[in-house]
Amino acid sequence: MAAVKSFLVPLDGSALAEQAIPTAARLAKAAGGRVHLVTVEPRSARELQDGLRGYLAAQAEALSSTHGVRVVPALIRGSAPSAIAAYADEHKIDLVVMTTHGRGGLSRFWLGSVADRLLRRIATPVLLLRPGSTSPPGQFHCVLIALDGSPRSEASIAPALPLARTTAGTRLVLAHILEPTPTLLGPAWVEEECQRITKHFDQLANRLRMRGYTAAVRVVTGDGTAARIHALGRLEGADLIVVGTHAARGAERLILGSVADKVVRGATQPVLVVPTRTGRLRDDLAATEGAGAAAESIAP
């Protein structure tokens, strides 16, 4: 995890948000990194602001003494989604770790729609955790990476690798759901497209294997992409799903339209949401592995 050393946990004073702290601490300890505990200063009474400072200081002290990691408490100002995204950018945060409200629920977590809006504008990968998970925090035995077949979506592979390396023998599954929506193209087109995508994904998987990863390819046909990703995750025993996001036509939206949004909201396991606005797969892999030449071993 040489390139992932700076972690951010947004806090709102709730026990739900605090559930992300142990996972961030575990990852930071493995990386020799630090954890930023961040909350947004309310535009209200001074005593509330002082209370939040005391709360952050107590959380930082508990985290440092319990897990032995470096902690940076920060009380920031502004609109919560924008302020957190700006803080992550300014402090070069490598990974945001936060808890969602569980199945079906970013909608009621943390100041209403803050988490939802944060996902749509932040330039930093976000690890979304489900409350009450039975898996040990920070351990990922099977990582399902959902790809849409575009080079841009493949940029989500690189940020998944440091998480995969936290657990010995982690299996990576490169997955694509092919929806044969233009039905007039017929089964021959579907078969040809499956073969094309499978061949390309096999090349990516082989390059991952050359670098010591266990990798598999799954190309599934049928309607209901998000539901099929969830089903594939259950079938493969995935304890982490990876999806990419990007800005399209000037709007803040998730890659594959509403599909990835449904994946995030409906998944029962943690989800790594990776902004892929730049689509710089080679640069991201170089940063992850620490060498520009290594990037060429993945990127086609």
Protein backbone atom coordinates (compact mmCIF):
# COMPACT_ATOMS: atom_id res chain seq x y z
CA MET A 1 0.00 0.00 0.00
CA ALA A 2 2.92 2.32 -0.64
CA ALA A 3 0.82 4.81 -2.58
CA VAL A 4 -2.20 4.79 -0.24
CA LYS A 5 -1.16 6.39 3.03
CA SER A 6 -3.68 9.14 3.72
CA PHE A 7 -7.22 8.26 4.82
CA LEU A 8 -10.21 10.45 5.62
CA VAL A 9 -13.22 9.54 7.77
CA PRO A 10 -16.12 12.06 7.72
CA LEU A 11 -17.83 12.24 11.12
CA ASP A 12 -21.13 13.79 12.14
CA GLY A 13 -21.16 12.81 15.81
CA SER A 14 -23.18 9.64 15.23
CA ALA A 15 -22.22 6.09 16.17
CA LEU A 16 -23.04 5.09 12.60
CA ALA A 17 -20.37 7.36 11.11
CA GLU A 18 -17.87 6.22 13.73
CA GLN A 19 -18.16 2.62 12.53
CA ALA A 20 -15.83 3.56 9.66
CA ILE A 21 -12.98 4.43 12.05
CA PRO A 22 -11.69 0.87 12.75
CA THR A 23 -11.46 0.02 9.05
CA ALA A 24 -9.63 3.26 8.25
CA ALA A 25 -7.32 2.61 11.21
CA ARG A 26 -6.57 -0.93 10.06
CA LEU A 27 -5.77 0.23 6.53
CA ALA A 28 -3.67 3.14 7.77
CA LYS A 29 -1.70 0.91 10.13
CA ALA A 30 -0.97 -1.55 7.32
CA ALA A 31 0.16 1.33 5.12
CA GLY A 32 2.10 3.23 7.76
CA GLY A 33 -0.20 6.15 7.01
CA ARG A 34 -2.44 8.57 8.84
CA VAL A 35 -6.17 9.09 9.35
CA HIS A 36 -7.91 12.45 9.01
CA LEU A 37 -11.06 12.70 11.14
CA VAL A 38 -13.16 15.47 9.60
CA THR A 39 -16.46 17.07 10.44
CA VAL A 40 -18.17 20.23 9.23
CA GLU A 41 -18.51 23.18 11.58
CA PRO A 42 -22.16 24.17 12.07
CA ARG A 43 -23.25 27.74 11.44
CA SER A 44 -24.78 27.90 14.87
CA ALA A 45 -24.01 28.59 18.50
CA ARG A 46 -20.39 28.81 19.56
CA GLU A 47 -20.90 26.14 22.20
CA LEU A 48 -21.84 23.62 19.49
CA GLN A 49 -18.63 24.37 17.63
CA ASP A 50 -16.61 23.96 20.83
CA GLY A 51 -18.42 20.69 21.49
CA LEU A 52 -17.46 19.37 18.07
CA ARG A 53 -13.82 20.28 18.63
CA GLY A 54 -13.87 18.36 21.89
CA TYR A 55 -15.59 15.44 20.18
CA LEU A 56 -12.96 15.32 17.41
CA ALA A 57 -10.12 15.56 19.92
CA ALA A 58 -11.56 12.66 21.92
CA GLN A 59 -12.03 10.51 18.81
CA ALA A 60 -8.49 11.29 17.67
CA GLU A 61 -7.02 10.38 21.05
CA ALA A 62 -8.98 7.12 21.18
CA LEU A 63 -7.94 6.18 17.65
CA SER A 64 -4.29 6.97 18.24
CA SER A 65 -4.06 5.11 21.55
CA THR A 66 -6.08 2.08 20.43
CA HIS A 67 -4.63 1.51 16.98
CA GLY A 68 -1.28 3.29 17.15
CA VAL A 69 -1.80 5.36 14.01
CA ARG A 70 -1.23 9.03 13.34
CA VAL A 71 -4.44 11.08 13.46
CA VAL A 72 -5.32 14.53 12.11
CA PRO A 73 -8.58 15.97 13.52
CA ALA A 74 -10.11 18.72 11.38
CA LEU A 75 -13.18 20.90 11.83
CA ILE A 76 -13.94 22.50 8.45
CA ARG A 77 -16.42 25.06 7.18
CA GLY A 78 -18.77 25.28 4.23
CA SER A 79 -21.29 23.12 2.48
CA ALA A 80 -20.50 19.62 3.70
CA PRO A 81 -20.06 17.80 0.35
CA SER A 82 -18.00 20.59 -1.22
CA ALA A 83 -15.97 21.23 1.93
CA ILE A 84 -15.07 17.56 2.38
CA ALA A 85 -14.22 17.14 -1.30
CA ALA A 86 -12.03 20.27 -1.16
CA TYR A 87 -10.30 19.06 2.01
CA ALA A 88 -9.58 15.69 0.42
CA ASP A 89 -8.08 17.39 -2.60
CA GLU A 90 -6.06 19.93 -0.62
CA HIS A 91 -4.60 17.32 1.73
CA LYS A 92 -4.03 14.74 -1.03
CA ILE A 93 -6.24 12.15 0.61
CA ASP A 94 -5.81 8.71 -0.99
CA LEU A 95 -9.00 7.11 0.31
CA VAL A 96 -12.18 8.28 2.03
CA VAL A 97 -13.71 5.66 4.34
CA MET A 98 -17.30 6.15 5.47
CA THR A 99 -20.34 4.19 6.62
CA THR A 100 -23.61 4.19 4.71
CA HIS A 101 -27.02 3.46 6.12
CA GLY A 102 -26.94 -0.09 4.81
CA ARG A 103 -29.00 -1.73 2.11
CA GLY A 104 -30.97 0.81 0.11
CA GLY A 105 -29.64 3.72 2.02
CA LEU A 106 -27.46 6.60 1.24
CA SER A 107 -30.66 8.60 1.36
CA ARG A 108 -30.85 9.03 5.15
CA PHE A 109 -27.20 8.93 6.10
CA TRP A 110 -25.25 11.88 7.47
CA LEU A 111 -27.09 15.14 7.13
CA GLY A 112 -29.56 13.77 4.63
CA SER A 113 -28.12 13.64 1.12
CA VAL A 114 -24.58 14.76 2.00
CA ALA A 115 -23.00 11.37 1.35
CA ASP A 116 -24.86 11.02 -1.93
CA ARG A 117 -23.74 14.45 -3.13
CA LEU A 118 -20.19 13.83 -1.92
CA LEU A 119 -19.93 10.73 -4.10
CA ARG A 120 -20.93 12.75 -7.13
CA ARG A 121 -18.27 15.43 -6.84
CA ILE A 122 -15.25 14.09 -4.98
CA ALA A 123 -12.09 13.25 -6.95
CA THR A 124 -10.88 10.73 -4.34
CA PRO A 125 -11.88 7.05 -4.14
CA VAL A 126 -14.49 6.40 -1.44
CA LEU A 127 -14.82 3.12 0.45
CA LEU A 128 -18.44 2.76 1.57
CA LEU A 129 -18.98 0.37 4.47
CA ARG A 130 -22.19 -1.28 5.56
CA PRO A 131 -22.95 -1.08 9.28
CA GLY A 132 -22.75 -4.30 11.24
CA SER A 133 -20.58 -6.12 8.69
CA THR A 134 -19.43 -9.57 9.83
CA SER A 135 -16.17 -9.41 7.85
CA PRO A 136 -13.06 -8.20 9.70
CA PRO A 137 -12.57 -4.51 8.85
CA GLY A 138 -10.11 -4.00 6.06
CA GLN A 139 -9.96 -7.63 4.91
CA PHE A 140 -11.11 -8.35 1.37
CA HIS A 141 -10.85 -11.95 0.19
CA CYS A 142 -12.69 -11.46 -3.11
CA VAL A 143 -12.90 -8.12 -4.94
CA LEU A 144 -15.46 -7.84 -7.74
CA ILE A 145 -14.53 -5.01 -10.14
CA ALA A 146 -17.52 -4.01 -12.27
CA LEU A 147 -16.41 -2.68 -15.67
CA ASP A 148 -18.51 -1.31 -18.51
CA GLY A 149 -16.04 -2.22 -21.25
CA SER A 150 -14.64 1.29 -21.71
CA PRO A 151 -11.00 2.25 -21.09
CA ARG A 152 -12.21 4.89 -18.63
CA SER A 153 -13.93 2.34 -16.41
CA GLU A 154 -10.71 0.30 -16.29
CA ALA A 155 -9.14 3.13 -14.29
CA SER A 156 -11.06 1.72 -11.32
CA ILE A 157 -8.78 -1.34 -11.29
CA ALA A 158 -5.72 0.46 -9.90
CA PRO A 159 -7.28 1.87 -6.69
CA ALA A 160 -8.66 -1.60 -5.89
CA LEU A 161 -5.20 -3.17 -5.83
CA PRO A 162 -3.97 -1.66 -2.52
CA LEU A 163 -7.13 -2.93 -0.82
CA ALA A 164 -6.64 -6.36 -2.39
CA ARG A 165 -3.11 -6.48 -1.02
CA THR A 166 -4.32 -6.09 2.58
CA THR A 167 -5.48 -9.72 2.57
CA ALA A 168 -3.33 -12.69 1.55
CA GLY A 169 -4.63 -14.58 -1.46
CA THR A 170 -7.29 -12.07 -2.45
CA ARG A 171 -9.06 -12.96 -5.69
CA LEU A 172 -9.87 -10.23 -8.22
CA VAL A 173 -12.89 -10.74 -10.47
CA LEU A 174 -13.15 -8.50 -13.55
CA ALA A 175 -16.86 -8.45 -14.32
CA HIS A 176 -18.98 -7.12 -17.17
CA ILE A 177 -22.73 -7.36 -17.68
CA LEU A 178 -23.68 -7.30 -21.34
CA GLU A 179 -27.25 -6.12 -21.86
CA PRO A 180 -28.26 -7.00 -25.45
CA THR A 181 -30.63 -4.03 -25.64
CA PRO A 182 -30.60 -3.70 -29.45
CA THR A 183 -32.52 -6.97 -29.80
CA LEU A 184 -32.53 -6.68 -33.58
CA LEU A 185 -28.80 -7.40 -33.56
CA GLY A 186 -29.59 -10.99 -32.65
CA PRO A 187 -27.76 -13.75 -30.77
CA ALA A 188 -24.82 -13.76 -33.19
CA TRP A 189 -23.96 -10.19 -32.19
CA VAL A 190 -24.29 -11.04 -28.49
CA GLU A 191 -21.94 -14.01 -28.84
CA GLU A 192 -19.41 -12.00 -30.83
CA GLU A 193 -19.50 -9.14 -28.31
CA CYS A 194 -19.06 -11.54 -25.40
CA GLN A 195 -16.04 -13.07 -27.07
CA ARG A 196 -14.52 -9.65 -27.76
CA ILE A 197 -15.00 -8.43 -24.19
CA THR A 198 -13.81 -11.70 -22.69
CA LYS A 199 -10.63 -11.63 -24.77
CA HIS A 200 -9.86 -8.09 -23.69
CA PHE A 201 -10.58 -8.83 -20.01
CA ASP A 202 -8.44 -11.98 -20.22
CA GLN A 203 -5.54 -9.78 -21.30
CA LEU A 204 -6.06 -7.54 -18.27
CA ALA A 205 -6.39 -10.56 -15.96
CA ASN A 206 -3.21 -12.16 -17.35
CA ARG A 207 -1.25 -8.99 -16.70
CA LEU A 208 -2.57 -8.91 -13.15
CA ARG A 209 -1.52 -12.55 -12.70
CA MET A 210 1.97 -11.70 -13.94
CA ARG A 211 2.19 -9.27 -11.04
CA GLY A 212 1.17 -11.87 -8.48
CA TYR A 213 -2.59 -11.33 -8.27
CA THR A 214 -5.20 -14.05 -8.55
CA ALA A 215 -7.60 -12.84 -11.22
CA ALA A 216 -10.69 -14.18 -12.99
CA VAL A 217 -13.02 -12.87 -15.71
CA ARG A 218 -16.80 -13.00 -15.70
CA VAL A 219 -18.89 -11.77 -18.63
CA VAL A 220 -22.63 -12.22 -18.08
CA THR A 221 -25.46 -11.44 -20.49
CA GLY A 222 -28.96 -10.34 -19.60
CA ASP A 223 -31.10 -7.43 -18.49
CA GLY A 224 -30.87 -5.68 -15.13
CA THR A 225 -27.19 -4.86 -14.88
CA ALA A 226 -27.12 -3.75 -11.24
CA ALA A 227 -29.12 -6.76 -10.06
CA ARG A 228 -26.83 -9.09 -11.99
CA ILE A 229 -23.75 -7.46 -10.45
CA HIS A 230 -25.26 -8.05 -7.01
CA ALA A 231 -26.05 -11.66 -7.94
CA LEU A 232 -22.54 -12.19 -9.31
CA GLY A 233 -21.10 -10.73 -6.14
CA ARG A 234 -23.04 -13.27 -4.07
CA LEU A 235 -22.06 -16.11 -6.40
CA GLU A 236 -18.36 -15.22 -6.23
CA GLY A 237 -18.44 -14.58 -2.50
CA ALA A 238 -17.25 -11.00 -3.04
CA ASP A 239 -16.73 -8.96 0.10
CA LEU A 240 -15.93 -5.80 -1.89
CA ILE A 241 -17.49 -4.42 -5.08
CA VAL A 242 -15.68 -1.76 -7.11
CA VAL A 243 -17.50 0.69 -9.40
CA GLY A 244 -16.31 3.77 -11.27
CA THR A 245 -17.89 7.20 -11.53
CA HIS A 246 -17.38 10.04 -13.96
CA ALA A 247 -18.86 13.39 -14.91
CA ALA A 248 -20.83 13.21 -18.14
CA ARG A 249 -21.97 16.15 -20.25
CA GLY A 250 -21.17 18.53 -17.42
CA ALA A 251 -23.48 16.76 -14.99
CA GLU A 252 -22.53 14.87 -11.85
CA ARG A 253 -23.56 11.30 -12.56
CA LEU A 254 -22.38 7.77 -12.04
CA ILE A 255 -20.82 5.75 -14.81
CA LEU A 256 -23.38 3.55 -16.63
CA GLY A 257 -26.04 6.10 -15.75
CA SER A 258 -28.18 4.85 -12.90
CA VAL A 259 -26.64 1.36 -12.90
CA ALA A 260 -23.70 2.12 -10.61
CA ASP A 261 -25.99 4.19 -8.40
CA LYS A 262 -28.16 1.10 -7.99
CA VAL A 263 -25.08 -1.02 -7.32
CA VAL A 264 -24.00 1.34 -4.54
CA ARG A 265 -27.45 1.52 -2.97
CA GLY A 266 -28.32 -2.16 -3.23
CA ALA A 267 -25.04 -3.86 -2.32
CA THR A 268 -24.86 -5.65 1.01
CA GLN A 269 -21.05 -5.61 1.07
CA PRO A 270 -18.63 -2.66 1.07
CA VAL A 271 -18.35 -0.74 -2.20
CA LEU A 272 -15.30 1.13 -3.45
CA VAL A 273 -16.45 4.07 -5.57
CA VAL A 274 -13.66 5.31 -7.86
CA PRO A 275 -13.84 8.63 -9.73
CA THR A 276 -12.55 7.97 -13.24
CA ARG A 277 -12.96 11.45 -14.69
CA THR A 278 -9.46 11.48 -16.13
CA GLY A 279 -9.40 7.86 -17.16
CA ARG A 280 -5.62 7.80 -16.56
CA LEU A 281 -5.24 4.08 -16.01
CA ARG A 282 -1.52 4.08 -16.74
CA ASP A 283 -0.79 6.97 -14.37
CA ASP A 284 -2.94 5.48 -11.60
CA LEU A 285 -1.26 2.10 -11.88
CA ALA A 286 2.17 3.71 -11.87
CA ALA A 287 1.32 5.55 -8.66
CA THR A 288 -0.10 2.40 -7.11
CA GLU A 289 2.89 0.22 -7.91
CA GLY A 290 5.57 2.89 -7.68
CA ALA A 291 6.94 2.50 -11.20
CA GLY A 292 5.81 3.77 -14.56
CA ALA A 293 6.88 0.57 -16.29
CA ALA A 294 4.54 -1.44 -14.09
CA ALA A 295 1.58 0.47 -15.50
CA GLU A 296 2.25 -0.92 -18.93
CA SER A 297 1.81 -4.45 -17.59
CA ILE A 298 -1.91 -3.78 -17.05
CA ALA A 299 -2.96 -1.17 -19.55
CA PRO A 300 -3.54 -2.59 -23.03
